[in-house]
Amino acid sequence: MKEKNKEPLFHIVKRDALPWYKSLGIRFLAILLALILCGIITTITTGINPLQVYQSIVLGAFGSVRKTWVTFQNIAILLLIALALTPAFKMKFWNIGGEGQVLIGGLAAAACMICLGDKLPNAVVILCMIVASLAAGAIWGFIPAFFKAKWNTNETLSTLMMNYIATQLVAFYTIVWEVPKGSGKIGIINQNTNVGWLPQIFGSKYLLSIVVAVVITIFMYVYLNYSKQGYEISVVGESENTAKYVGIKVEKVIIRTMLLSGALCGLVGLLLVGGINHTVTTTIAGGQGFTAVLVSWMSKFNPLTMVFSSFLIIFMDRGASEISTNFGLNHSYSDILTGIILFFIIGCEFFITYRLQFRKKAEKEEQ
C-alpha cells in the first residue's frame, strides 16, 4: 500500500478581524497568566507573598496624592511621544528617533530660557520657547525624512543616529551653561525669577502635560482617521506604488508626516524642560522615546488604545521602585516582573492575529 505523506500537526492561519471584546478578553487573559507566573516566580525565588508584591506595585503608583499625580503625568509624557511616532509608523516610516527629537526640543527650550530670560518679558520668552522647540523637533524629523524621500536611505538607521547627535549637543551645552562651573550640570534654570516656566493649571504643576496629552490624543485620532492627510498616510503605508498611482506625492507625504512627528516630540521636550524639570540633561527623556515605540506598536497605531498601553507600562514602572524599597530587592528584580508581563502582552497579539488549525483525524486506512 502506498504510504501517504503525513500533514503537519497544525497550521497557522490568519484570523478574520476579531470583535473588540474578544481581543480585549485575550489581552486580559494574557495579563492574568503573566501575574500568576510572576507570583510563582516570586514565591520560589524570594519566599515573599506575591499578593504583597502586587499591593506594593499599586501603592507605588497610587499610594498618595502626589504619587497619583506623578503617575498620570508620566503616562501623559509617554503617551505624547507614542502619539508623535504613530503617524510615521502608520506610514511604515520607522522613526526610532523620538528620544533625540525630544532632547533637541528640550535643548531649544532651555536655550531660550537661559539666553532670553533676562532680556524679554516672561510671556515672550515662553512664546519663543514654544516656537523654538517645535521647530527644533521638526528639523530633527525633517533631516532623515528628506534623505528617505530623495534617496531612499534607511530611516531606522538615520533616525537612530540622530539620537546620538542630539545627546552630544545636550552634553556640550550642559558644559557651556553649567552652574556652578565644574559641576557638570545646569541646575534649575531661572530659579529666582521663574522666567520661562510654563504656567500651572488650577495651581497644579502636574496638570498641564495631562491636558496637552488629552488634546493631542483627540487631535491625532481625528487626524489619522478623518483627514485627507491621514488617508494619504494610510495609503502610503499600504503601498507606495498604489499611492503614486492614485496621484499621491509620496515624497511630500513622508516629509510632511515627519515634520509633524518631530514637532510633537519637540513639544514633549518643551513640557519636560519648561513645565516639569526646569532644566535639561542628556537623560531628561528617560528612554521613553524607545518605550513609546512599544506603546505605539502594541496599540496597533490606535491613539485611544495607546492610553491604556501607556498606563500599563508606567503603572508597572512606578510600582517597580516601590517593590525595591519595601522588600529590599534589587531594582532589576522588578524589571524582570515587568518584562514577563510585557512579554505576555506582546505574545498575545499572535493569538489575536492568528489561530492554530489542528490536523483533522486521518481517514481509516483501507484494509
Protein backbone atom coordinates (compact mmCIF):
# COMPACT_ATOMS: atom_id res chain seq x y z
CA MET A 1 0.00 0.00 0.00
CA LYS A 2 1.34 3.40 -0.96
CA GLU A 3 2.36 5.42 2.11
CA LYS A 4 0.69 8.80 2.39
CA ASN A 5 2.65 11.92 3.29
CA LYS A 6 1.77 12.98 6.79
CA GLU A 7 0.48 16.53 7.18
CA PRO A 8 1.81 18.78 9.97
CA LEU A 9 0.04 18.53 13.31
CA PHE A 10 -1.27 22.08 12.93
CA HIS A 11 -1.24 25.05 10.60
CA ILE A 12 -1.02 28.75 11.49
CA VAL A 13 -3.95 30.51 9.88
CA LYS A 14 -4.63 34.24 9.80
CA ARG A 15 -7.84 35.14 11.58
CA ASP A 16 -10.61 37.34 10.35
CA ALA A 17 -10.90 40.52 12.38
CA LEU A 18 -11.91 39.58 15.92
CA PRO A 19 -14.68 41.52 17.69
CA TRP A 20 -13.22 44.06 20.06
CA TYR A 21 -14.48 42.26 23.15
CA LYS A 22 -12.74 39.01 22.15
CA SER A 23 -9.40 40.69 21.51
CA LEU A 24 -9.79 42.56 24.79
CA GLY A 25 -10.55 39.28 26.56
CA ILE A 26 -7.40 37.68 25.13
CA ARG A 27 -5.32 40.60 26.40
CA PHE A 28 -6.84 40.41 29.88
CA LEU A 29 -6.21 36.65 29.95
CA ALA A 30 -2.57 37.26 28.97
CA ILE A 31 -2.15 39.75 31.83
CA LEU A 32 -3.78 37.34 34.28
CA LEU A 33 -1.47 34.49 33.23
CA ALA A 34 1.52 36.81 33.49
CA LEU A 35 0.57 37.81 37.03
CA ILE A 36 0.17 34.16 38.02
CA LEU A 37 3.61 33.33 36.60
CA CYS A 38 5.14 36.35 38.36
CA GLY A 39 3.56 35.19 41.62
CA ILE A 40 5.01 31.69 41.23
CA ILE A 41 8.48 33.04 40.44
CA THR A 42 8.32 35.47 43.37
CA THR A 43 7.35 32.72 45.81
CA ILE A 44 10.05 30.34 44.60
CA THR A 45 12.91 32.84 44.46
CA THR A 46 12.20 35.12 47.42
CA GLY A 47 9.61 33.43 49.59
CA ILE A 48 7.60 36.66 49.66
CA ASN A 49 3.83 36.51 49.39
CA PRO A 50 3.10 37.61 45.78
CA LEU A 51 -0.07 39.41 46.91
CA GLN A 52 2.14 41.73 48.99
CA VAL A 53 4.25 42.39 45.91
CA TYR A 54 1.19 43.29 43.84
CA GLN A 55 -0.05 45.51 46.65
CA SER A 56 3.28 47.35 46.64
CA ILE A 57 3.01 47.89 42.89
CA VAL A 58 -0.38 49.56 43.35
CA LEU A 59 0.88 51.67 46.25
CA GLY A 60 3.94 52.68 44.26
CA ALA A 61 1.73 54.15 41.56
CA PHE A 62 -1.24 55.41 43.60
CA GLY A 63 -0.15 55.26 47.25
CA SER A 64 -0.55 59.02 47.81
CA VAL A 65 -1.95 62.08 46.09
CA ARG A 66 1.49 63.13 44.88
CA LYS A 67 2.31 59.63 43.59
CA THR A 68 -1.00 59.57 41.71
CA TRP A 69 -0.32 62.93 40.04
CA VAL A 70 3.24 61.90 39.09
CA THR A 71 1.93 58.63 37.65
CA PHE A 72 -0.60 60.39 35.43
CA GLN A 73 2.00 62.98 34.42
CA ASN A 74 4.40 60.22 33.35
CA ILE A 75 1.60 58.50 31.45
CA ALA A 76 0.92 61.77 29.62
CA ILE A 77 4.56 62.18 28.58
CA LEU A 78 4.90 58.59 27.32
CA LEU A 79 1.55 58.85 25.54
CA LEU A 80 2.57 62.08 23.81
CA ILE A 81 5.78 60.55 22.44
CA ALA A 82 3.87 57.46 21.24
CA LEU A 83 1.31 59.69 19.53
CA ALA A 84 4.11 61.65 17.89
CA LEU A 85 5.70 58.50 16.46
CA THR A 86 2.44 56.93 15.29
CA PRO A 87 1.85 58.85 12.01
CA ALA A 88 5.32 57.85 10.80
CA PHE A 89 4.84 54.22 11.86
CA LYS A 90 1.45 54.04 10.16
CA MET A 91 3.22 55.22 7.01
CA LYS A 92 5.80 52.42 7.59
CA PHE A 93 8.48 55.03 8.19
CA TRP A 94 10.27 53.53 11.19
CA ASN A 95 11.08 56.63 13.24
CA ILE A 96 13.33 55.42 16.07
CA GLY A 97 14.47 58.98 16.74
CA GLY A 98 11.83 60.05 19.26
CA GLU A 99 14.41 60.26 22.03
CA GLY A 100 16.61 62.65 20.07
CA GLN A 101 13.69 64.76 18.87
CA VAL A 102 12.53 65.19 22.48
CA LEU A 103 16.06 66.09 23.59
CA ILE A 104 16.59 68.66 20.85
CA GLY A 105 13.21 70.23 21.60
CA GLY A 106 14.15 70.45 25.28
CA LEU A 107 17.54 71.93 24.41
CA ALA A 108 15.87 74.63 22.29
CA ALA A 109 13.53 75.49 25.18
CA ALA A 110 16.44 75.66 27.63
CA ALA A 111 18.40 77.91 25.26
CA CYS A 112 15.51 80.38 25.17
CA MET A 113 15.21 80.33 28.96
CA ILE A 114 18.94 80.92 29.50
CA CYS A 115 19.68 83.35 26.68
CA LEU A 116 16.46 85.40 26.73
CA GLY A 117 15.40 85.10 30.37
CA ASP A 118 16.84 88.45 31.41
CA LYS A 119 16.14 90.27 28.14
CA LEU A 120 12.45 89.68 27.35
CA PRO A 121 9.17 89.51 29.30
CA ASN A 122 8.12 86.09 30.53
CA ALA A 123 5.24 85.74 28.05
CA VAL A 124 7.53 86.48 25.10
CA VAL A 125 10.15 84.03 26.38
CA ILE A 126 7.52 81.27 26.64
CA LEU A 127 6.29 82.06 23.12
CA CYS A 128 9.87 81.83 21.84
CA MET A 129 10.30 78.52 23.68
CA ILE A 130 7.20 77.06 22.03
CA VAL A 131 8.29 78.11 18.54
CA ALA A 132 11.90 77.01 19.06
CA SER A 133 11.00 73.59 20.50
CA LEU A 134 8.50 72.77 17.77
CA ALA A 135 10.92 73.96 15.07
CA ALA A 136 13.89 72.06 16.51
CA GLY A 137 11.94 68.81 16.77
CA ALA A 138 10.54 69.30 13.26
CA ILE A 139 14.04 69.85 11.83
CA TRP A 140 15.27 66.71 13.60
CA GLY A 141 12.45 64.80 11.89
CA PHE A 142 12.91 66.53 8.54
CA ILE A 143 16.56 65.54 8.03
CA PRO A 144 16.07 61.73 7.86
CA ALA A 145 12.74 62.21 6.03
CA PHE A 146 14.44 64.28 3.32
CA PHE A 147 17.10 61.65 2.68
CA LYS A 148 14.48 58.90 2.70
CA ALA A 149 12.28 60.75 0.24
CA LYS A 150 15.08 61.71 -2.13
CA TRP A 151 17.46 58.76 -1.99
CA ASN A 152 15.51 56.04 -0.15
CA THR A 153 18.02 55.81 2.69
CA ASN A 154 17.39 53.56 5.68
CA GLU A 155 15.25 55.67 8.03
CA THR A 156 15.74 53.34 11.01
CA LEU A 157 19.49 53.89 10.97
CA SER A 158 19.34 57.62 10.25
CA THR A 159 16.76 58.42 12.94
CA LEU A 160 18.67 56.29 15.43
CA MET A 161 21.92 58.13 14.71
CA MET A 162 20.17 61.47 15.14
CA ASN A 163 19.55 60.44 18.76
CA TYR A 164 23.27 60.34 19.42
CA ILE A 165 23.83 63.73 17.80
CA ALA A 166 21.10 65.28 19.96
CA THR A 167 22.55 63.66 23.09
CA GLN A 168 26.02 65.02 22.38
CA LEU A 169 24.62 68.50 21.68
CA VAL A 170 22.88 68.48 25.06
CA ALA A 171 26.09 67.22 26.71
CA PHE A 172 28.09 70.01 25.07
CA TYR A 173 25.74 72.80 26.13
CA THR A 174 25.49 71.34 29.60
CA ILE A 175 29.18 72.15 29.99
CA VAL A 176 28.75 75.59 28.38
CA TRP A 177 25.85 76.55 30.67
CA GLU A 178 26.84 74.59 33.80
CA VAL A 179 26.09 76.23 37.15
CA PRO A 180 28.25 76.34 39.17
CA LYS A 181 31.29 75.93 36.95
CA GLY A 182 32.78 72.48 37.18
CA SER A 183 29.57 70.86 38.42
CA GLY A 184 28.79 69.23 35.06
CA LYS A 185 25.11 70.16 35.25
CA ILE A 186 22.95 73.18 34.54
CA GLY A 187 20.77 73.12 37.63
CA ILE A 188 17.35 74.73 37.88
CA ILE A 189 17.08 77.42 35.19
CA ASN A 190 15.86 80.88 36.30
CA GLN A 191 15.04 79.54 39.75
CA ASN A 192 14.78 83.02 41.26
CA THR A 193 12.70 84.66 38.53
CA ASN A 194 10.76 81.65 37.12
CA VAL A 195 11.11 83.18 33.65
CA GLY A 196 10.31 80.58 31.01
CA TRP A 197 8.48 78.32 33.45
CA LEU A 198 5.25 77.17 31.83
CA PRO A 199 2.09 78.26 33.65
CA GLN A 200 0.33 75.96 36.10
CA ILE A 201 -3.31 74.99 35.52
CA PHE A 202 -5.53 75.47 38.58
CA GLY A 203 -2.40 75.76 40.66
CA SER A 204 -1.20 72.24 39.80
CA LYS A 205 2.24 71.74 38.28
CA TYR A 206 1.22 68.28 37.03
CA LEU A 207 -1.94 69.15 35.11
CA LEU A 208 -0.51 70.94 32.06
CA SER A 209 1.10 67.89 30.45
CA ILE A 210 -2.03 65.81 31.16
CA VAL A 211 -4.30 68.37 29.44
CA VAL A 212 -1.92 68.59 26.47
CA ALA A 213 -1.91 64.78 26.19
CA VAL A 214 -5.73 64.68 26.12
CA VAL A 215 -5.88 67.35 23.41
CA ILE A 216 -3.19 65.70 21.25
CA THR A 217 -4.83 62.27 21.63
CA ILE A 218 -8.13 63.61 20.29
CA PHE A 219 -6.35 65.55 17.54
CA MET A 220 -4.31 62.53 16.43
CA TYR A 221 -7.35 60.24 16.38
CA VAL A 222 -9.27 62.67 14.17
CA TYR A 223 -6.20 63.44 12.04
CA LEU A 224 -5.41 59.80 11.27
CA ASN A 225 -8.97 58.60 10.74
CA TYR A 226 -10.91 61.52 9.27
CA SER A 227 -8.49 63.86 7.49
CA LYS A 228 -7.15 63.79 3.94
CA GLN A 229 -3.58 63.72 5.27
CA GLY A 230 -4.41 60.74 7.46
CA TYR A 231 -5.85 58.92 4.46
CA GLU A 232 -2.71 59.62 2.46
CA ILE A 233 -0.56 58.28 5.31
CA SER A 234 -2.57 55.03 5.30
CA VAL A 235 -2.29 54.61 1.53
CA VAL A 236 1.47 55.23 1.54
CA GLY A 237 1.82 52.74 4.37
CA GLU A 238 -0.10 50.08 2.44
CA SER A 239 1.73 50.54 -0.85
CA GLU A 240 3.84 53.38 -2.20
CA ASN A 241 3.15 52.24 -5.76
CA THR A 242 -0.59 52.41 -5.16
CA ALA A 243 -0.20 55.86 -3.63
CA LYS A 244 1.70 57.07 -6.69
CA TYR A 245 -0.90 55.50 -8.99
CA VAL A 246 -3.76 57.45 -7.37
CA GLY A 247 -1.79 60.69 -7.56
CA ILE A 248 -0.40 60.98 -4.02
CA LYS A 249 3.04 62.58 -3.86
CA VAL A 250 4.83 60.09 -1.65
CA GLU A 251 7.89 62.26 -1.01
CA LYS A 252 5.71 65.13 0.13
CA VAL A 253 3.73 62.86 2.48
CA ILE A 254 6.92 61.45 4.02
CA ILE A 255 8.42 64.86 4.72
CA ARG A 256 5.15 66.38 5.96
CA THR A 257 4.47 63.48 8.30
CA MET A 258 7.95 63.53 9.79
CA LEU A 259 7.75 67.28 10.30
CA LEU A 260 4.59 66.67 12.36
CA SER A 261 6.14 63.74 14.22
CA GLY A 262 9.30 65.68 15.10
CA ALA A 263 7.37 68.79 16.12
CA LEU A 264 5.22 66.82 18.57
CA CYS A 265 8.34 65.25 20.07
CA GLY A 266 9.78 68.75 20.38
CA LEU A 267 6.60 69.74 22.24
CA VAL A 268 7.33 66.97 24.76
CA GLY A 269 10.83 68.39 25.22
CA LEU A 270 9.25 71.77 25.93
CA LEU A 271 6.96 70.27 28.59
CA LEU A 272 9.84 68.41 30.24
CA VAL A 273 12.13 71.44 30.40
CA GLY A 274 9.68 74.32 30.80
CA GLY A 275 6.93 72.63 32.78
CA ILE A 276 8.33 69.71 34.77
CA ASN A 277 12.10 69.69 35.36
CA HIS A 278 13.07 73.32 34.60
CA THR A 279 16.46 72.07 33.44
CA VAL A 280 17.91 69.94 30.67
CA THR A 281 20.10 66.85 30.86
CA THR A 282 21.07 64.06 28.48
CA THR A 283 18.71 61.73 30.36
CA ILE A 284 15.70 64.02 30.60
CA ALA A 285 13.66 61.81 28.23
CA GLY A 286 14.44 58.77 30.38
CA GLY A 287 14.44 56.33 27.44
CA GLN A 288 10.76 56.93 26.82
CA GLY A 289 11.47 57.69 23.16
CA PHE A 290 12.20 53.98 22.77
CA THR A 291 9.46 52.78 25.12
CA ALA A 292 6.97 54.78 23.05
CA VAL A 293 7.80 52.57 20.06
CA LEU A 294 6.46 49.61 22.04
CA VAL A 295 3.37 51.56 23.11
CA SER A 296 2.52 52.54 19.54
CA TRP A 297 3.08 49.03 18.19
CA MET A 298 1.15 47.28 20.97
CA SER A 299 -1.80 49.60 20.32
CA LYS A 300 -1.85 48.86 16.58
CA PHE A 301 -1.35 52.60 15.97
CA ASN A 302 -4.70 53.43 17.58
CA PRO A 303 -4.38 56.66 19.62
CA LEU A 304 -7.19 55.70 22.01
CA THR A 305 -5.72 52.27 22.77
CA MET A 306 -2.36 53.93 23.46
CA VAL A 307 -3.85 55.50 26.58
CA PHE A 308 -4.24 52.04 28.13
CA SER A 309 -0.85 50.77 26.91
CA SER A 310 0.89 53.84 28.36
CA PHE A 311 -0.98 53.39 31.62
CA LEU A 312 0.12 49.76 31.95
CA ILE A 313 3.79 50.45 31.31
CA ILE A 314 4.00 53.47 33.63
CA PHE A 315 1.97 51.66 36.29
CA MET A 316 4.45 48.77 36.30
CA ASP A 317 7.45 51.09 36.18
CA ARG A 318 6.23 53.18 39.13
CA GLY A 319 5.40 50.06 41.09
CA ALA A 320 8.82 48.57 40.38
CA SER A 321 10.64 51.12 42.52
CA GLU A 322 8.20 50.50 45.38
CA ILE A 323 9.00 46.78 45.33
CA SER A 324 12.70 47.52 45.64
CA THR A 325 12.10 49.85 48.58
CA ASN A 326 9.65 47.71 50.54
CA PHE A 327 11.31 44.32 50.20
CA GLY A 328 14.95 45.26 49.76
CA LEU A 329 15.08 43.61 46.35
CA ASN A 330 17.33 44.73 43.55
CA HIS A 331 15.55 47.02 41.09
CA SER A 332 16.39 44.50 38.37
CA TYR A 333 14.01 42.03 40.00
CA SER A 334 11.04 44.33 39.50
CA ASP A 335 12.21 44.90 35.93
CA ILE A 336 12.07 41.13 35.42
CA LEU A 337 8.43 41.08 36.55
CA THR A 338 7.65 43.98 34.22
CA GLY A 339 9.39 42.18 31.36
CA ILE A 340 7.36 39.00 31.93
CA ILE A 341 4.09 40.93 31.81
CA LEU A 342 5.08 42.80 28.65
CA PHE A 343 6.22 39.54 27.06
CA PHE A 344 2.78 38.01 27.64
CA ILE A 345 1.04 41.12 26.30
CA ILE A 346 3.16 41.17 23.16
CA GLY A 347 2.81 37.41 22.73
CA CYS A 348 -0.98 37.51 22.95
CA GLU A 349 -1.05 39.64 19.79
CA PHE A 350 -0.11 36.48 17.89
CA PHE A 351 -3.30 34.75 19.06
CA ILE A 352 -5.34 37.84 18.19
CA THR A 353 -3.99 37.87 14.63
CA TYR A 354 -3.60 34.13 14.01
CA ARG A 355 -5.12 30.85 15.14
CA LEU A 356 -3.84 27.28 15.23
CA GLN A 357 -5.71 24.89 12.92
CA PHE A 358 -5.04 21.31 14.00
CA ARG A 359 -4.88 18.40 11.58
CA LYS A 360 -8.12 16.54 11.12
CA LYS A 361 -8.19 12.89 12.04
CA ALA A 362 -6.87 10.78 9.23
CA GLU A 363 -9.28 8.52 7.47
CA LYS A 364 -9.07 4.92 8.39
CA GLU A 365 -6.69 3.06 6.19
CA GLU A 366 -8.25 0.59 3.83
CA GLN A 367 -7.61 -2.93 4.80
